[in-house]
């Protein structure tokens, strides 16, 4: 069957499942919103698509993007270019790309707009050390996905990949602003959400991707680092061990050297210098075989300066 717009498809799907608009909207939106979407008067937000996907146990986000949106070449190229600049840590290029793409109509809404806002958040945090402005861009990106976003309670809702990295970025901004309680709360909620909806998802369309596994490792490492800063060493060790075990179990090595380095720092703090040196050497080895030369050089320099006791004990 051909559908004029997504709303017509949604109405047909709802009817097939014998759901009223009120029942479909329950706990996710109003029946009026469902009505407007079904009549083609408005498009669903990414947040709403995810919640509807859970209700129907099918990936409506992918269906929507495939059949009812125009993912232009320029849009895909822009997102790939922005992600590449972020991955390589090239902040000057990132800023240039943002200035180029944010003027285009393709980047005025949805996930494309979220990528622009995430790029701005990173640029202001890492280049300008302007964490308040970075935080503002994080929130703008989260509101694009879910207009009803609530920083105090989001672990009972699934977010997209770009939404998840915005949440992680939000936590790091709070830490940089010395608002440790807020930063910790976000990371804990994010951890719960990832374990509930991604790593142990009962829904086939949300099986964990490589991205999800990596961000899970990142969150565990960030949480460990914060707890170590707050001198909660035993808790820090629990979370970093969890990250290491997960990485090995999943044979996912991309973030394992950072987790090893985090465990090295914790062991050093405990004055367990012999074991700390073991994890330092493991870190160097993994940086070498994964061709992370910059990380390798930086780590060796920092350790020789700040953690010198492992070489004398």
Protein backbone atom coordinates (compact mmCIF):
# COMPACT_ATOMS: atom_id res chain seq x y z
CA UNK A 1 0.00 0.00 0.00
CA UNK A 2 1.25 3.51 -0.83
CA UNK A 3 0.87 6.20 1.82
CA UNK A 4 0.57 9.91 1.16
CA UNK A 5 2.40 10.78 4.37
CA UNK A 6 3.67 9.15 7.54
CA UNK A 7 0.45 9.90 9.42
CA UNK A 8 -1.58 7.75 7.04
CA UNK A 9 0.83 4.89 7.62
CA UNK A 10 0.66 5.40 11.40
CA UNK A 11 -3.14 5.40 11.35
CA UNK A 12 -3.18 2.15 9.39
CA UNK A 13 -0.67 0.60 11.78
CA UNK A 14 -2.68 1.73 14.80
CA UNK A 15 -5.87 0.28 13.34
CA UNK A 16 -4.17 -3.05 12.62
CA UNK A 17 -3.17 -3.23 16.29
CA UNK A 18 -6.70 -2.30 17.45
CA UNK A 19 -5.46 0.73 19.36
CA UNK A 20 -7.37 3.94 19.94
CA UNK A 21 -5.48 7.22 19.64
CA UNK A 22 -5.77 7.60 23.40
CA UNK A 23 -4.26 4.17 24.03
CA UNK A 24 -1.43 4.74 21.55
CA UNK A 25 -0.63 8.11 23.11
CA UNK A 26 -0.60 6.73 26.66
CA UNK A 27 2.56 7.71 28.58
CA UNK A 28 4.25 9.27 25.53
CA UNK A 29 2.18 12.20 24.22
CA UNK A 30 -1.40 13.46 23.86
CA UNK A 31 -4.05 11.92 21.64
CA UNK A 32 -4.25 15.32 19.93
CA UNK A 33 -0.62 14.95 18.84
CA UNK A 34 -1.40 11.52 17.36
CA UNK A 35 -4.39 13.03 15.56
CA UNK A 36 -2.30 15.83 14.05
CA UNK A 37 0.35 13.37 12.85
CA UNK A 38 -2.22 11.01 11.37
CA UNK A 39 -3.87 13.86 9.47
CA UNK A 40 -0.52 15.01 8.10
CA UNK A 41 -0.70 18.30 10.01
CA UNK A 42 2.63 17.75 11.78
CA UNK A 43 5.64 15.42 11.69
CA UNK A 44 6.65 13.25 14.66
CA UNK A 45 9.72 14.20 16.66
CA UNK A 46 12.57 11.71 16.91
CA UNK A 47 11.65 11.15 20.55
CA UNK A 48 8.07 10.28 19.59
CA UNK A 49 9.21 7.96 16.80
CA UNK A 50 11.32 6.01 19.29
CA UNK A 51 8.47 5.72 21.79
CA UNK A 52 6.05 4.62 19.07
CA UNK A 53 8.66 2.09 17.89
CA UNK A 54 8.64 0.55 21.35
CA UNK A 55 4.84 0.37 21.35
CA UNK A 56 4.74 -1.41 17.98
CA UNK A 57 8.08 -3.25 18.38
CA UNK A 58 9.30 -2.07 14.97
CA UNK A 59 11.80 0.61 13.98
CA UNK A 60 9.55 3.46 12.86
CA UNK A 61 12.47 5.88 12.85
CA UNK A 62 14.21 3.99 10.05
CA UNK A 63 10.90 3.55 8.23
CA UNK A 64 10.16 7.26 8.54
CA UNK A 65 13.60 8.24 7.25
CA UNK A 66 13.42 5.78 4.37
CA UNK A 67 9.94 6.56 3.06
CA UNK A 68 8.81 9.92 4.37
CA UNK A 69 11.85 12.19 4.51
CA UNK A 70 14.37 13.36 1.98
CA UNK A 71 17.81 12.49 3.33
CA UNK A 72 19.73 14.58 0.83
CA UNK A 73 23.29 13.87 -0.26
CA UNK A 74 24.41 17.17 1.24
CA UNK A 75 22.83 16.17 4.56
CA UNK A 76 24.62 12.83 4.68
CA UNK A 77 27.90 14.39 3.56
CA UNK A 78 27.62 17.09 6.22
CA UNK A 79 26.98 14.66 9.07
CA UNK A 80 29.86 12.43 7.95
CA UNK A 81 32.22 15.42 7.70
CA UNK A 82 31.21 16.75 11.14
CA UNK A 83 31.58 13.31 12.75
CA UNK A 84 34.99 12.83 11.12
CA UNK A 85 36.25 16.19 12.45
CA UNK A 86 35.01 15.26 15.94
CA UNK A 87 36.64 11.81 15.76
CA UNK A 88 39.96 13.36 14.73
CA UNK A 89 39.75 16.13 17.32
CA UNK A 90 40.11 18.81 14.63
CA UNK A 91 38.27 21.69 16.28
CA UNK A 92 39.17 24.30 13.66
CA UNK A 93 37.78 22.11 10.89
CA UNK A 94 34.72 21.36 13.03
CA UNK A 95 33.99 25.08 13.39
CA UNK A 96 34.44 25.62 9.63
CA UNK A 97 32.03 22.77 8.85
CA UNK A 98 29.43 24.06 11.28
CA UNK A 99 29.55 27.52 9.70
CA UNK A 100 29.16 25.93 6.27
CA UNK A 101 26.29 23.54 6.97
CA UNK A 102 24.17 25.40 9.51
CA UNK A 103 23.14 27.88 6.79
CA UNK A 104 21.60 25.12 4.67
CA UNK A 105 17.92 24.19 4.85
CA UNK A 106 18.85 20.51 5.28
CA UNK A 107 20.29 21.34 8.71
CA UNK A 108 17.40 23.37 10.12
CA UNK A 109 15.65 20.49 11.92
CA UNK A 110 15.83 16.91 13.17
CA UNK A 111 19.01 14.87 13.55
CA UNK A 112 20.94 17.11 11.15
CA UNK A 113 20.27 20.10 13.40
CA UNK A 114 21.26 18.02 16.44
CA UNK A 115 24.65 17.30 14.84
CA UNK A 116 25.19 21.03 14.33
CA UNK A 117 24.29 21.74 17.97
CA UNK A 118 26.50 18.92 19.25
CA UNK A 119 29.39 20.22 17.17
CA UNK A 120 28.90 23.69 18.66
CA UNK A 121 28.71 22.25 22.16
CA UNK A 122 32.03 20.47 21.70
CA UNK A 123 33.69 23.47 20.09
CA UNK A 124 32.74 25.85 22.91
CA UNK A 125 33.76 23.34 25.58
CA UNK A 126 37.07 22.17 24.12
CA UNK A 127 38.28 25.23 22.21
CA UNK A 128 36.88 28.15 24.24
CA UNK A 129 36.41 26.38 27.60
CA UNK A 130 33.03 28.11 27.67
CA UNK A 131 31.10 25.35 29.41
CA UNK A 132 27.93 27.35 30.03
CA UNK A 133 27.46 28.06 26.33
CA UNK A 134 28.32 24.44 25.55
CA UNK A 135 25.65 23.34 28.02
CA UNK A 136 23.09 25.58 26.32
CA UNK A 137 23.80 23.92 22.97
CA UNK A 138 23.49 20.48 24.56
CA UNK A 139 20.04 21.34 25.87
CA UNK A 140 18.97 22.81 22.53
CA UNK A 141 19.98 19.55 20.85
CA UNK A 142 18.10 17.46 23.40
CA UNK A 143 14.96 19.59 23.03
CA UNK A 144 15.07 19.04 19.25
CA UNK A 145 14.69 15.33 19.93
CA UNK A 146 12.27 15.59 22.83
CA UNK A 147 10.51 18.91 23.47
CA UNK A 148 9.54 17.58 26.93
CA UNK A 149 13.08 16.61 27.91
CA UNK A 150 13.63 16.70 31.68
CA UNK A 151 17.21 16.60 32.94
CA UNK A 152 16.00 15.25 36.30
CA UNK A 153 14.40 12.12 34.86
CA UNK A 154 15.20 10.63 31.48
CA UNK A 155 16.36 7.05 32.16
CA UNK A 156 12.88 5.66 31.47
CA UNK A 157 13.01 6.92 27.87
CA UNK A 158 15.16 5.75 24.95
CA UNK A 159 17.19 8.39 23.11
CA UNK A 160 18.88 8.31 19.70
CA UNK A 161 22.65 7.99 19.24
CA UNK A 162 23.06 11.75 18.87
CA UNK A 163 20.80 12.27 21.90
CA UNK A 164 23.00 9.94 23.96
CA UNK A 165 26.22 11.79 23.09
CA UNK A 166 24.51 15.10 23.91
CA UNK A 167 23.62 13.70 27.33
CA UNK A 168 27.20 12.57 27.90
CA UNK A 169 28.46 16.00 26.81
CA UNK A 170 25.99 17.62 29.22
CA UNK A 171 27.42 15.63 32.14
CA UNK A 172 30.99 16.66 31.28
CA UNK A 173 29.98 20.32 31.14
CA UNK A 174 28.45 20.08 34.61
CA UNK A 175 31.68 18.54 35.93
CA UNK A 176 33.70 21.34 34.33
CA UNK A 177 31.38 23.86 36.04
CA UNK A 178 31.97 22.08 39.40
CA UNK A 179 28.33 20.97 39.54
CA UNK A 180 29.35 17.42 40.42
CA UNK A 181 25.98 16.22 41.69
CA UNK A 182 24.23 17.09 38.43
CA UNK A 183 27.01 15.56 36.31
CA UNK A 184 26.97 12.33 38.31
CA UNK A 185 23.19 12.06 38.19
CA UNK A 186 23.19 12.39 34.38
CA UNK A 187 25.85 9.69 33.97
CA UNK A 188 23.99 7.33 36.32
CA UNK A 189 20.69 7.90 34.48
CA UNK A 190 22.47 7.43 31.15
CA UNK A 191 23.98 4.17 32.38
CA UNK A 192 20.55 2.90 33.43
CA UNK A 193 19.04 3.88 30.09
CA UNK A 194 21.78 2.15 28.07
CA UNK A 195 21.53 -1.05 30.11
CA UNK A 196 17.74 -1.09 30.03
CA UNK A 197 17.00 -0.13 26.42
CA UNK A 198 20.17 -0.92 24.47
CA UNK A 199 22.39 -3.59 26.00
CA UNK A 200 19.49 -5.63 27.39
CA UNK A 201 16.73 -4.38 25.11
CA UNK A 202 13.63 -6.58 24.74
CA UNK A 203 13.00 -4.85 21.40
CA UNK A 204 14.77 -6.28 18.32
CA UNK A 205 15.14 -2.87 16.65
CA UNK A 206 17.23 -1.63 19.58
CA UNK A 207 19.89 -4.34 19.58
CA UNK A 208 23.17 -2.79 20.67
CA UNK A 209 25.21 -1.29 17.85
CA UNK A 210 28.98 -0.74 17.93
CA UNK A 211 28.24 2.91 18.73
CA UNK A 212 26.08 1.96 21.72
CA UNK A 213 28.76 -0.36 23.06
CA UNK A 214 31.41 2.32 22.72
CA UNK A 215 29.33 5.01 24.44
CA UNK A 216 28.59 2.54 27.26
CA UNK A 217 32.35 2.17 27.79
CA UNK A 218 32.80 5.95 27.63
CA UNK A 219 30.11 6.52 30.28
CA UNK A 220 31.65 3.93 32.62
CA UNK A 221 35.09 5.50 32.18
CA UNK A 222 33.79 9.04 32.74
CA UNK A 223 31.90 7.94 35.84
CA UNK A 224 35.04 6.27 37.21
CA UNK A 225 37.10 9.39 36.56
CA UNK A 226 34.61 11.59 38.39
CA UNK A 227 34.37 9.22 41.37
CA UNK A 228 38.16 9.13 41.62
CA UNK A 229 38.23 12.95 41.63
CA UNK A 230 35.73 12.86 44.51
CA UNK A 231 37.96 10.31 46.33
CA UNK A 232 35.31 7.58 46.02
CA UNK A 233 37.99 5.14 44.96
CA UNK A 234 36.20 1.84 45.59
CA UNK A 235 33.19 2.93 43.55
CA UNK A 236 35.49 4.16 40.78
CA UNK A 237 37.15 0.74 40.69
CA UNK A 238 33.79 -1.03 40.41
CA UNK A 239 32.75 0.97 37.34
CA UNK A 240 36.08 0.78 35.55
CA UNK A 241 36.21 -3.00 36.10
CA UNK A 242 32.70 -3.23 34.71
CA UNK A 243 33.84 -1.36 31.61
CA UNK A 244 36.92 -3.56 31.17
CA UNK A 245 34.92 -6.78 31.57
CA UNK A 246 32.34 -5.55 29.07
CA UNK A 247 35.02 -4.59 26.53
CA UNK A 248 36.72 -7.99 26.75
CA UNK A 249 33.44 -9.93 26.68
CA UNK A 250 32.27 -8.02 23.58
CA UNK A 251 35.74 -8.12 21.99
CA UNK A 252 35.35 -4.37 21.63
CA UNK A 253 38.84 -2.92 21.89
CA UNK A 254 38.24 0.67 20.76
CA UNK A 255 37.94 2.12 24.27
CA UNK A 256 39.74 -0.57 26.27
CA UNK A 257 43.10 1.31 26.47
CA UNK A 258 41.35 4.32 28.04
CA UNK A 259 39.70 2.03 30.58
CA UNK A 260 43.08 0.42 31.35
CA UNK A 261 44.57 3.88 31.84
CA UNK A 262 41.70 4.78 34.16
CA UNK A 263 42.35 1.65 36.22
CA UNK A 264 46.07 2.54 36.31
CA UNK A 265 45.17 5.92 37.84
CA UNK A 266 42.92 4.30 40.45
CA UNK A 267 45.56 1.73 41.44
CA UNK A 268 48.18 4.47 41.67
CA UNK A 269 45.86 6.44 43.95
CA UNK A 270 45.63 3.33 46.16
CA UNK A 271 49.47 3.24 46.21
CA UNK A 272 49.40 -0.18 44.54
CA UNK A 273 52.32 0.83 42.32
CA UNK A 274 53.28 -2.65 41.11
CA UNK A 275 49.77 -3.38 39.81
CA UNK A 276 49.45 0.18 38.51
CA UNK A 277 52.60 -0.28 36.42
CA UNK A 278 51.13 -3.46 34.95
CA UNK A 279 48.05 -1.56 33.74
CA UNK A 280 50.21 1.30 32.48
CA UNK A 281 52.13 -1.14 30.29
CA UNK A 282 48.88 -2.67 29.06
CA UNK A 283 47.66 0.80 28.15
CA UNK A 284 50.79 1.59 26.14
CA UNK A 285 50.62 -1.75 24.34
CA UNK A 286 46.99 -1.21 23.27
CA UNK A 287 47.69 2.35 22.12
CA UNK A 288 50.54 0.96 19.99
CA UNK A 289 48.57 -1.83 18.31
CA UNK A 290 45.58 0.45 17.68
CA UNK A 291 47.85 3.11 16.10
CA UNK A 292 46.90 5.80 18.61
CA UNK A 293 50.31 7.46 18.50
CA UNK A 294 49.12 10.80 19.88
CA UNK A 295 47.51 9.09 22.88
CA UNK A 296 50.64 7.02 23.41
CA UNK A 297 52.95 10.06 23.45
CA UNK A 298 50.61 12.09 25.68
CA UNK A 299 50.18 9.22 28.17
CA UNK A 300 53.92 8.58 28.48
CA UNK A 301 54.56 12.28 29.08
CA UNK A 302 51.84 12.63 31.75
CA UNK A 303 52.81 9.44 33.60
CA UNK A 304 56.51 10.34 33.75
CA UNK A 305 55.57 13.74 35.16
CA UNK A 306 52.66 12.96 37.51
CA UNK A 307 52.92 9.24 38.31
CA UNK A 308 56.68 8.77 38.61
CA UNK A 309 56.54 6.37 41.58
CA UNK A 310 55.79 3.40 39.32
CA UNK A 311 59.32 3.73 37.97
CA UNK A 312 61.00 3.80 41.38
CA UNK A 313 59.07 1.22 43.36
